[in-house]
PDB file of N, CA and C in Angstrom:
ATOM      1  N   UNK A   1      33.977  55.758  25.930  1.00  0.00           N
ATOM      2  CA  UNK A   1      32.642  56.037  26.256  1.00  0.00           C
ATOM      3  C   UNK A   1      32.751  56.675  27.665  1.00  0.00           C
ATOM      4  N   UNK A   2      33.007  58.003  28.471  1.00  0.00           N
ATOM      5  CA  UNK A   2      33.123  57.868  29.979  1.00  0.00           C
ATOM      6  C   UNK A   2      32.055  57.950  30.407  1.00  0.00           C
ATOM      7  N   UNK A   3      31.979  58.289  31.962  1.00  0.00           N
ATOM      8  CA  UNK A   3      31.372  57.605  32.605  1.00  0.00           C
ATOM      9  C   UNK A   3      31.028  56.470  33.173  1.00  0.00           C
ATOM     10  N   UNK A   4      31.634  55.386  32.994  1.00  0.00           N
ATOM     11  CA  UNK A   4      31.824  53.769  33.632  1.00  0.00           C
ATOM     12  C   UNK A   4      32.663  53.808  34.129  1.00  0.00           C
ATOM     13  N   UNK A   5      32.819  54.007  35.549  1.00  0.00           N
ATOM     14  CA  UNK A   5      33.278  54.298  36.799  1.00  0.00           C
ATOM     15  C   UNK A   5      33.987  52.263  36.700  1.00  0.00           C
ATOM     16  N   UNK A   6      33.204  51.704  37.035  1.00  0.00           N
ATOM     17  CA  UNK A   6      33.257  50.413  37.597  1.00  0.00           C
ATOM     18  C   UNK A   6      31.962  49.492  36.791  1.00  0.00           C
ATOM     19  N   UNK A   7      32.765  48.285  36.406  1.00  0.00           N
ATOM     20  CA  UNK A   7      31.925  47.396  36.298  1.00  0.00           C
ATOM     21  C   UNK A   7      30.834  47.672  35.458  1.00  0.00           C
ATOM     22  N   UNK A   8      31.023  46.355  33.977  1.00  0.00           N
ATOM     23  CA  UNK A   8      30.440  46.724  32.777  1.00  0.00           C
ATOM     24  C   UNK A   8      30.372  45.500  32.712  1.00  0.00           C
ATOM     25  N   UNK A   9      29.947  45.303  31.306  1.00  0.00           N
ATOM     26  CA  UNK A   9      29.927  43.906  31.109  1.00  0.00           C
ATOM     27  C   UNK A   9      30.775  43.891  29.865  1.00  0.00           C
ATOM     28  N   UNK A  10      30.445  42.892  28.919  1.00  0.00           N
ATOM     29  CA  UNK A  10      31.091  42.663  27.563  1.00  0.00           C
ATOM     30  C   UNK A  10      30.068  42.005  26.754  1.00  0.00           C
ATOM     31  N   UNK A  11      29.897  43.503  25.704  1.00  0.00           N
ATOM     32  CA  UNK A  11      28.500  43.522  24.914  1.00  0.00           C
ATOM     33  C   UNK A  11      29.125  43.946  23.905  1.00  0.00           C
ATOM     34  N   UNK A  12      28.073  43.835  22.832  1.00  0.00           N
ATOM     35  CA  UNK A  12      28.263  44.844  21.815  1.00  0.00           C
ATOM     36  C   UNK A  12      29.134  44.109  20.966  1.00  0.00           C
ATOM     37  N   UNK A  13      29.464  42.944  20.209  1.00  0.00           N
ATOM     38  CA  UNK A  13      30.011  42.564  19.556  1.00  0.00           C
ATOM     39  C   UNK A  13      29.516  42.537  18.104  1.00  0.00           C
ATOM     40  N   UNK A  14      29.705  42.904  17.201  1.00  0.00           N
ATOM     41  CA  UNK A  14      28.757  43.085  15.879  1.00  0.00           C
ATOM     42  C   UNK A  14      29.633  43.190  14.070  1.00  0.00           C
ATOM     43  N   UNK A  15      29.400  42.723  13.291  1.00  0.00           N
ATOM     44  CA  UNK A  15      29.997  42.542  12.280  1.00  0.00           C
ATOM     45  C   UNK A  15      28.782  44.203  11.463  1.00  0.00           C
ATOM     46  N   UNK A  16      29.728  44.966  10.794  1.00  0.00           N
ATOM     47  CA  UNK A  16      28.893  46.019  10.102  1.00  0.00           C
ATOM     48  C   UNK A  16      28.774  45.261   8.636  1.00  0.00           C
ATOM     49  N   UNK A  17      27.980  46.376   8.427  1.00  0.00           N
ATOM     50  CA  UNK A  17      27.547  45.590   6.765  1.00  0.00           C
ATOM     51  C   UNK A  17      28.555  45.993   5.725  1.00  0.00           C
ATOM     52  N   UNK A  18      28.677  45.347   4.727  1.00  0.00           N
ATOM     53  CA  UNK A  18      29.130  45.552   3.283  1.00  0.00           C
ATOM     54  C   UNK A  18      30.630  44.347   3.470  1.00  0.00           C
ATOM     55  N   UNK A  19      30.404  43.198   4.541  1.00  0.00           N
ATOM     56  CA  UNK A  19      31.687  42.131   4.254  1.00  0.00           C
ATOM     57  C   UNK A  19      31.096  40.962   3.496  1.00  0.00           C
ATOM     58  N   UNK A  20      31.605  40.939   2.289  1.00  0.00           N
ATOM     59  CA  UNK A  20      31.331  40.205   1.264  1.00  0.00           C
ATOM     60  C   UNK A  20      31.707  38.765   1.455  1.00  0.00           C
ATOM     61  N   UNK A  21      32.930  38.537   2.543  1.00  0.00           N
ATOM     62  CA  UNK A  21      33.322  37.144   2.798  1.00  0.00           C
ATOM     63  C   UNK A  21      33.496  36.573   3.782  1.00  0.00           C
ATOM     64  N   UNK A  22      32.613  37.098   4.723  1.00  0.00           N
ATOM     65  CA  UNK A  22      32.005  36.365   6.179  1.00  0.00           C
ATOM     66  C   UNK A  22      33.176  36.453   6.844  1.00  0.00           C
ATOM     67  N   UNK A  23      33.220  37.289   7.822  1.00  0.00           N
ATOM     68  CA  UNK A  23      34.504  37.835   8.425  1.00  0.00           C
ATOM     69  C   UNK A  23      34.364  37.331  10.136  1.00  0.00           C
ATOM     70  N   UNK A  24      34.923  36.901  10.532  1.00  0.00           N
ATOM     71  CA  UNK A  24      35.032  36.033  12.019  1.00  0.00           C
ATOM     72  C   UNK A  24      35.519  37.244  13.171  1.00  0.00           C
ATOM     73  N   UNK A  25      34.888  37.521  13.991  1.00  0.00           N
ATOM     74  CA  UNK A  25      34.954  38.019  15.200  1.00  0.00           C
ATOM     75  C   UNK A  25      34.888  36.916  16.321  1.00  0.00           C
ATOM     76  N   UNK A  26      36.234  37.219  17.271  1.00  0.00           N
ATOM     77  CA  UNK A  26      36.715  36.311  17.751  1.00  0.00           C
ATOM     78  C   UNK A  26      37.583  36.452  19.112  1.00  0.00           C
ATOM     79  N   UNK A  27      37.440  35.849  19.931  1.00  0.00           N
ATOM     80  CA  UNK A  27      38.477  36.306  21.048  1.00  0.00           C
ATOM     81  C   UNK A  27      38.404  37.197  21.884  1.00  0.00           C
ATOM     82  N   UNK A  28      37.123  37.747  22.371  1.00  0.00           N
ATOM     83  CA  UNK A  28      36.797  39.256  23.431  1.00  0.00           C
ATOM     84  C   UNK A  28      37.201  38.710  24.483  1.00  0.00           C
ATOM     85  N   UNK A  29      38.022  39.234  25.046  1.00  0.00           N
ATOM     86  CA  UNK A  29      38.554  38.804  26.698  1.00  0.00           C
ATOM     87  C   UNK A  29      39.543  39.643  27.589  1.00  0.00           C
ATOM     88  N   UNK A  30      39.003  39.683  28.638  1.00  0.00           N
ATOM     89  CA  UNK A  30      39.665  40.361  29.623  1.00  0.00           C
ATOM     90  C   UNK A  30      40.800  39.472  30.727  1.00  0.00           C
ATOM     91  N   UNK A  31      41.928  40.406  30.580  1.00  0.00           N
ATOM     92  CA  UNK A  31      43.306  39.716  31.125  1.00  0.00           C
ATOM     93  C   UNK A  31      43.163  39.790  32.432  1.00  0.00           C
ATOM     94  N   UNK A  32      44.052  39.045  33.305  1.00  0.00           N
ATOM     95  CA  UNK A  32      44.145  39.229  34.581  1.00  0.00           C
ATOM     96  C   UNK A  32      44.424  40.493  35.395  1.00  0.00           C
ATOM     97  N   UNK A  33      44.109  40.847  36.645  1.00  0.00           N
ATOM     98  CA  UNK A  33      44.522  42.017  36.892  1.00  0.00           C
ATOM     99  C   UNK A  33      43.232  43.324  36.805  1.00  0.00           C
ATOM    100  N   UNK A  34      42.298  43.090  36.587  1.00  0.00           N
ATOM    101  CA  UNK A  34      41.262  44.101  36.359  1.00  0.00           C
ATOM    102  C   UNK A  34      40.389  44.395  37.768  1.00  0.00           C
ATOM    103  N   UNK A  35      40.559  45.309  38.512  1.00  0.00           N
ATOM    104  CA  UNK A  35      39.868  44.997  39.690  1.00  0.00           C
ATOM    105  C   UNK A  35      38.652  45.601  39.796  1.00  0.00           C
ATOM    106  N   UNK A  36      38.499  46.193  38.908  1.00  0.00           N
ATOM    107  CA  UNK A  36      37.056  46.981  38.796  1.00  0.00           C
ATOM    108  C   UNK A  36      36.308  46.909  37.485  1.00  0.00           C
ATOM    109  N   UNK A  37      36.230  45.303  37.192  1.00  0.00           N
ATOM    110  CA  UNK A  37      35.333  45.164  36.348  1.00  0.00           C
ATOM    111  C   UNK A  37      35.131  46.388  35.123  1.00  0.00           C
ATOM    112  N   UNK A  38      35.752  45.813  34.160  1.00  0.00           N
ATOM    113  CA  UNK A  38      35.999  46.620  32.711  1.00  0.00           C
ATOM    114  C   UNK A  38      34.998  46.276  31.810  1.00  0.00           C
ATOM    115  N   UNK A  39      34.584  47.312  30.906  1.00  0.00           N
ATOM    116  CA  UNK A  39      33.475  46.961  29.980  1.00  0.00           C
ATOM    117  C   UNK A  39      34.696  46.928  28.522  1.00  0.00           C
ATOM    118  N   UNK A  40      34.342  45.719  28.183  1.00  0.00           N
ATOM    119  CA  UNK A  40      34.780  45.568  26.757  1.00  0.00           C
ATOM    120  C   UNK A  40      33.781  45.273  25.450  1.00  0.00           C
ATOM    121  N   UNK A  41      33.541  46.322  24.828  1.00  0.00           N
ATOM    122  CA  UNK A  41      32.349  46.765  23.967  1.00  0.00           C
ATOM    123  C   UNK A  41      32.736  46.850  22.848  1.00  0.00           C
ATOM    124  N   UNK A  42      31.648  46.715  21.449  1.00  0.00           N
ATOM    125  CA  UNK A  42      31.779  47.405  20.581  1.00  0.00           C
ATOM    126  C   UNK A  42      32.977  47.072  18.866  1.00  0.00           C
ATOM    127  N   UNK A  43      33.004  46.030  19.114  1.00  0.00           N
ATOM    128  CA  UNK A  43      33.884  45.399  18.127  1.00  0.00           C
ATOM    129  C   UNK A  43      33.550  44.797  17.109  1.00  0.00           C
ATOM    130  N   UNK A  44      34.316  46.067  16.231  1.00  0.00           N
ATOM    131  CA  UNK A  44      33.190  45.832  14.871  1.00  0.00           C
ATOM    132  C   UNK A  44      34.497  45.732  13.533  1.00  0.00           C
ATOM    133  N   UNK A  45      34.182  45.477  12.493  1.00  0.00           N
ATOM    134  CA  UNK A  45      34.690  45.701  11.409  1.00  0.00           C
ATOM    135  C   UNK A  45      33.875  46.750  10.425  1.00  0.00           C
ATOM    136  N   UNK A  46      34.978  47.503   9.647  1.00  0.00           N
ATOM    137  CA  UNK A  46      34.869  48.303   8.961  1.00  0.00           C
ATOM    138  C   UNK A  46      34.573  47.968   7.768  1.00  0.00           C
ATOM    139  N   UNK A  47      33.875  49.154   6.803  1.00  0.00           N
ATOM    140  CA  UNK A  47      33.343  48.698   5.375  1.00  0.00           C
ATOM    141  C   UNK A  47      34.510  48.915   4.685  1.00  0.00           C
ATOM    142  N   UNK A  48      34.349  47.715   3.806  1.00  0.00           N
ATOM    143  CA  UNK A  48      35.474  47.851   2.277  1.00  0.00           C
ATOM    144  C   UNK A  48      36.772  46.970   2.902  1.00  0.00           C
ATOM    145  N   UNK A  49      36.192  45.730   3.411  1.00  0.00           N
ATOM    146  CA  UNK A  49      37.137  44.786   3.840  1.00  0.00           C
ATOM    147  C   UNK A  49      36.583  43.197   3.179  1.00  0.00           C
ATOM    148  N   UNK A  50      37.583  43.114   1.881  1.00  0.00           N
ATOM    149  CA  UNK A  50      37.056  42.676   0.745  1.00  0.00           C
ATOM    150  C   UNK A  50      37.525  40.972   0.983  1.00  0.00           C
ATOM    151  N   UNK A  51      37.996  40.908   1.637  1.00  0.00           N
ATOM    152  CA  UNK A  51      38.896  39.220   2.391  1.00  0.00           C
ATOM    153  C   UNK A  51      38.357  38.448   3.414  1.00  0.00           C
ATOM    154  N   UNK A  52      37.470  39.025   4.501  1.00  0.00           N
ATOM    155  CA  UNK A  52      37.201  38.232   5.576  1.00  0.00           C
ATOM    156  C   UNK A  52      38.479  38.470   6.360  1.00  0.00           C
ATOM    157  N   UNK A  53      38.436  39.280   7.191  1.00  0.00           N
ATOM    158  CA  UNK A  53      39.329  39.779   8.283  1.00  0.00           C
ATOM    159  C   UNK A  53      39.090  39.167   9.502  1.00  0.00           C
ATOM    160  N   UNK A  54      39.857  38.410  10.291  1.00  0.00           N
ATOM    161  CA  UNK A  54      39.693  37.875  11.267  1.00  0.00           C
ATOM    162  C   UNK A  54      40.047  39.301  12.804  1.00  0.00           C
ATOM    163  N   UNK A  55      39.186  39.485  13.552  1.00  0.00           N
ATOM    164  CA  UNK A  55      39.521  40.311  14.426  1.00  0.00           C
ATOM    165  C   UNK A  55      39.373  39.605  16.127  1.00  0.00           C
ATOM    166  N   UNK A  56      40.544  39.513  16.181  1.00  0.00           N
ATOM    167  CA  UNK A  56      40.709  38.376  17.284  1.00  0.00           C
ATOM    168  C   UNK A  56      41.342  39.437  19.022  1.00  0.00           C
ATOM    169  N   UNK A  57      41.390  38.653  19.990  1.00  0.00           N
ATOM    170  CA  UNK A  57      42.323  38.917  21.099  1.00  0.00           C
ATOM    171  C   UNK A  57      41.784  40.529  21.640  1.00  0.00           C
ATOM    172  N   UNK A  58      40.566  41.024  21.576  1.00  0.00           N
ATOM    173  CA  UNK A  58      41.094  42.471  22.372  1.00  0.00           C
ATOM    174  C   UNK A  58      40.871  41.965  23.689  1.00  0.00           C
ATOM    175  N   UNK A  59      41.648  42.523  24.500  1.00  0.00           N
ATOM    176  CA  UNK A  59      42.281  42.648  25.895  1.00  0.00           C
ATOM    177  C   UNK A  59      42.497  44.032  26.204  1.00  0.00           C
ATOM    178  N   UNK A  60      42.503  43.814  27.772  1.00  0.00           N
ATOM    179  CA  UNK A  60      42.719  45.317  28.706  1.00  0.00           C
ATOM    180  C   UNK A  60      44.127  44.484  29.443  1.00  0.00           C
ATOM    181  N   UNK A  61      44.784  45.315  29.549  1.00  0.00           N
ATOM    182  CA  UNK A  61      46.228  45.422  30.021  1.00  0.00           C
ATOM    183  C   UNK A  61      46.138  45.642  31.679  1.00  0.00           C
ATOM    184  N   UNK A  62      47.163  45.003  32.070  1.00  0.00           N
ATOM    185  CA  UNK A  62      47.030  45.181  33.984  1.00  0.00           C
ATOM    186  C   UNK A  62      47.321  46.704  34.163  1.00  0.00           C
ATOM    187  N   UNK A  63      46.957  47.013  35.520  1.00  0.00           N
ATOM    188  CA  UNK A  63      46.884  47.871  35.395  1.00  0.00           C
ATOM    189  C   UNK A  63      46.280  49.424  35.879  1.00  0.00           C
ATOM    190  N   UNK A  64      45.100  48.747  35.222  1.00  0.00           N
ATOM    191  CA  UNK A  64      44.007  49.855  35.050  1.00  0.00           C
ATOM    192  C   UNK A  64      42.710  49.962  36.304  1.00  0.00           C
ATOM    193  N   UNK A  65      43.118  50.590  37.148  1.00  0.00           N
ATOM    194  CA  UNK A  65      42.263  50.771  38.543  1.00  0.00           C
ATOM    195  C   UNK A  65      41.112  50.993  38.344  1.00  0.00           C
ATOM    196  N   UNK A  66      40.447  51.697  37.253  1.00  0.00           N
ATOM    197  CA  UNK A  66      39.138  52.213  37.672  1.00  0.00           C
ATOM    198  C   UNK A  66      38.351  51.890  36.366  1.00  0.00           C
ATOM    199  N   UNK A  67      38.760  51.042  35.572  1.00  0.00           N
ATOM    200  CA  UNK A  67      37.651  49.929  35.160  1.00  0.00           C
ATOM    201  C   UNK A  67      37.609  50.914  33.798  1.00  0.00           C
ATOM    202  N   UNK A  68      38.578  50.823  32.522  1.00  0.00           N
ATOM    203  CA  UNK A  68      38.618  51.456  31.586  1.00  0.00           C
ATOM    204  C   UNK A  68      38.072  50.946  30.591  1.00  0.00           C
ATOM    205  N   UNK A  69      37.556  51.554  29.242  1.00  0.00           N
ATOM    206  CA  UNK A  69      36.581  50.998  28.454  1.00  0.00           C
ATOM    207  C   UNK A  69      37.524  50.986  27.230  1.00  0.00           C
ATOM    208  N   UNK A  70      37.095  49.662  26.684  1.00  0.00           N
ATOM    209  CA  UNK A  70      38.024  49.546  25.547  1.00  0.00           C
ATOM    210  C   UNK A  70      36.921  49.444  24.578  1.00  0.00           C
ATOM    211  N   UNK A  71      36.535  49.649  23.614  1.00  0.00           N
ATOM    212  CA  UNK A  71      35.327  49.735  22.479  1.00  0.00           C
ATOM    213  C   UNK A  71      36.003  50.186  20.841  1.00  0.00           C
ATOM    214  N   UNK A  72      35.187  49.770  20.335  1.00  0.00           N
ATOM    215  CA  UNK A  72      35.358  50.377  18.940  1.00  0.00           C
ATOM    216  C   UNK A  72      37.034  50.116  17.993  1.00  0.00           C
ATOM    217  N   UNK A  73      37.139  48.512  18.646  1.00  0.00           N
ATOM    218  CA  UNK A  73      38.262  48.168  17.821  1.00  0.00           C
ATOM    219  C   UNK A  73      37.737  47.989  16.524  1.00  0.00           C
ATOM    220  N   UNK A  74      38.485  48.764  15.164  1.00  0.00           N
ATOM    221  CA  UNK A  74      37.781  48.287  13.878  1.00  0.00           C
ATOM    222  C   UNK A  74      39.561  48.272  13.039  1.00  0.00           C
ATOM    223  N   UNK A  75      39.005  47.627  11.611  1.00  0.00           N
ATOM    224  CA  UNK A  75      40.032  47.791  10.516  1.00  0.00           C
ATOM    225  C   UNK A  75      39.836  48.979  10.095  1.00  0.00           C
ATOM    226  N   UNK A  76      41.015  49.710   9.752  1.00  0.00           N
ATOM    227  CA  UNK A  76      41.018  50.987   8.644  1.00  0.00           C
ATOM    228  C   UNK A  76      40.922  49.955   7.106  1.00  0.00           C
ATOM    229  N   UNK A  77      40.305  51.327   6.445  1.00  0.00           N
ATOM    230  CA  UNK A  77      39.835  51.215   5.052  1.00  0.00           C
ATOM    231  C   UNK A  77      41.068  50.949   4.401  1.00  0.00           C
ATOM    232  N   UNK A  78      41.343  50.001   3.173  1.00  0.00           N
ATOM    233  CA  UNK A  78      42.485  49.756   2.340  1.00  0.00           C
ATOM    234  C   UNK A  78      43.005  48.701   2.877  1.00  0.00           C
ATOM    235  N   UNK A  79      42.743  47.569   3.438  1.00  0.00           N
ATOM    236  CA  UNK A  79      42.812  46.281   4.177  1.00  0.00           C
ATOM    237  C   UNK A  79      42.581  45.032   2.761  1.00  0.00           C
ATOM    238  N   UNK A  80      43.641  44.765   1.378  1.00  0.00           N
ATOM    239  CA  UNK A  80      43.183  43.733   0.899  1.00  0.00           C
ATOM    240  C   UNK A  80      43.167  42.861   1.148  1.00  0.00           C
ATOM    241  N   UNK A  81      43.557  42.399   2.063  1.00  0.00           N
ATOM    242  CA  UNK A  81      44.099  40.650   2.377  1.00  0.00           C
ATOM    243  C   UNK A  81      43.774  40.217   3.326  1.00  0.00           C
ATOM    244  N   UNK A  82      43.333  40.155   4.278  1.00  0.00           N
ATOM    245  CA  UNK A  82      42.697  39.774   5.534  1.00  0.00           C
ATOM    246  C   UNK A  82      43.399  39.810   6.276  1.00  0.00           C
ATOM    247  N   UNK A  83      43.382  41.148   7.308  1.00  0.00           N
ATOM    248  CA  UNK A  83      44.348  41.368   8.118  1.00  0.00           C
ATOM    249  C   UNK A  83      43.927  40.989   9.338  1.00  0.00           C
ATOM    250  N   UNK A  84      45.036  40.508  10.415  1.00  0.00           N
ATOM    251  CA  UNK A  84      44.382  40.124  11.310  1.00  0.00           C
ATOM    252  C   UNK A  84      44.744  41.045  12.712  1.00  0.00           C
ATOM    253  N   UNK A  85      43.677  41.589  13.335  1.00  0.00           N
ATOM    254  CA  UNK A  85      43.296  42.459  14.329  1.00  0.00           C
ATOM    255  C   UNK A  85      43.442  42.532  15.488  1.00  0.00           C
ATOM    256  N   UNK A  86      44.534  42.098  16.742  1.00  0.00           N
ATOM    257  CA  UNK A  86      44.374  41.357  17.792  1.00  0.00           C
ATOM    258  C   UNK A  86      45.021  42.313  19.134  1.00  0.00           C
ATOM    259  N   UNK A  87      44.792  41.949  19.865  1.00  0.00           N
ATOM    260  CA  UNK A  87      45.503  42.316  20.978  1.00  0.00           C
ATOM    261  C   UNK A  87      45.699  44.096  21.187  1.00  0.00           C
ATOM    262  N   UNK A  88      43.926  44.679  21.167  1.00  0.00           N
ATOM    263  CA  UNK A  88      43.610  45.930  21.278  1.00  0.00           C
ATOM    264  C   UNK A  88      43.633  46.293  23.068  1.00  0.00           C
ATOM    265  N   UNK A  89      44.898  47.395  23.791  1.00  0.00           N
ATOM    266  CA  UNK A  89      45.607  47.108  24.903  1.00  0.00           C
ATOM    267  C   UNK A  89      44.962  48.479  25.405  1.00  0.00           C
ATOM    268  N   UNK A  90      44.838  48.667  26.442  1.00  0.00           N
ATOM    269  CA  UNK A  90      45.326  50.282  27.009  1.00  0.00           C
ATOM    270  C   UNK A  90      46.313  50.209  27.392  1.00  0.00           C
ATOM    271  N   UNK A  91      46.791  51.716  26.965  1.00  0.00           N
ATOM    272  CA  UNK A  91      48.323  51.842  28.152  1.00  0.00           C
ATOM    273  C   UNK A  91      48.723  52.141  29.183  1.00  0.00           C
ATOM    274  N   UNK A  92      49.904  52.067  29.834  1.00  0.00           N
ATOM    275  CA  UNK A  92      49.881  52.295  31.124  1.00  0.00           C
ATOM    276  C   UNK A  92      49.213  53.443  31.527  1.00  0.00           C
ATOM    277  N   UNK A  93      48.983  54.152  33.116  1.00  0.00           N
ATOM    278  CA  UNK A  93      48.612  55.395  33.418  1.00  0.00           C
ATOM    279  C   UNK A  93      47.367  56.226  32.616  1.00  0.00           C
ATOM    280  N   UNK A  94      46.580  55.272  32.552  1.00  0.00           N
ATOM    281  CA  UNK A  94      45.234  55.685  32.466  1.00  0.00           C
ATOM    282  C   UNK A  94      44.605  55.291  33.328  1.00  0.00           C
ATOM    283  N   UNK A  95      44.086  56.595  34.314  1.00  0.00           N
ATOM    284  CA  UNK A  95      43.712  56.320  35.598  1.00  0.00           C
ATOM    285  C   UNK A  95      42.530  55.992  35.611  1.00  0.00           C
ATOM    286  N   UNK A  96      41.075  56.682  34.823  1.00  0.00           N
ATOM    287  CA  UNK A  96      40.048  56.769  34.775  1.00  0.00           C
ATOM    288  C   UNK A  96      39.093  56.477  33.680  1.00  0.00           C
ATOM    289  N   UNK A  97      39.068  55.269  33.516  1.00  0.00           N
ATOM    290  CA  UNK A  97      37.689  55.187  32.274  1.00  0.00           C
ATOM    291  C   UNK A  97      38.343  55.870  31.075  1.00  0.00           C
ATOM    292  N   UNK A  98      39.334  54.824  30.440  1.00  0.00           N
ATOM    293  CA  UNK A  98      39.728  55.831  29.195  1.00  0.00           C
ATOM    294  C   UNK A  98      38.925  55.054  27.614  1.00  0.00           C
ATOM    295  N   UNK A  99      38.706  55.344  26.559  1.00  0.00           N
ATOM    296  CA  UNK A  99      38.121  54.689  25.857  1.00  0.00           C
ATOM    297  C   UNK A  99      39.040  55.012  24.626  1.00  0.00           C
ATOM    298  N   UNK A 100      39.530  53.377  24.640  1.00  0.00           N
ATOM    299  CA  UNK A 100      40.530  53.152  23.159  1.00  0.00           C
ATOM    300  C   UNK A 100      39.829  52.820  22.053  1.00  0.00           C
ATOM    301  N   UNK A 101      39.986  53.205  21.015  1.00  0.00           N
ATOM    302  CA  UNK A 101      39.066  52.853  19.867  1.00  0.00           C
ATOM    303  C   UNK A 101      40.078  53.037  18.616  1.00  0.00           C
TER     304      UNK A 101
END
């Protein structure tokens, strides 16, 4: 989500509808070395996850000088057995608020 040059919050943790087995969303965190206050938002599980999938460890990697947005971590359809999604991160060389989704 563009236009977030610096300093935002950690928000928007939510579970989508159609999660029959009670899914845990946990471990939203910012790594060290984030000089400009990065927004972590919109962690969510997609529909069609029959077995309760854990989404954890959303984090920003070092070297993001402009406060990049990490949002919309999601599990793709067709994951029948509770897959762990962890460590969503921004690649190096993202100079200005890039969305990873």
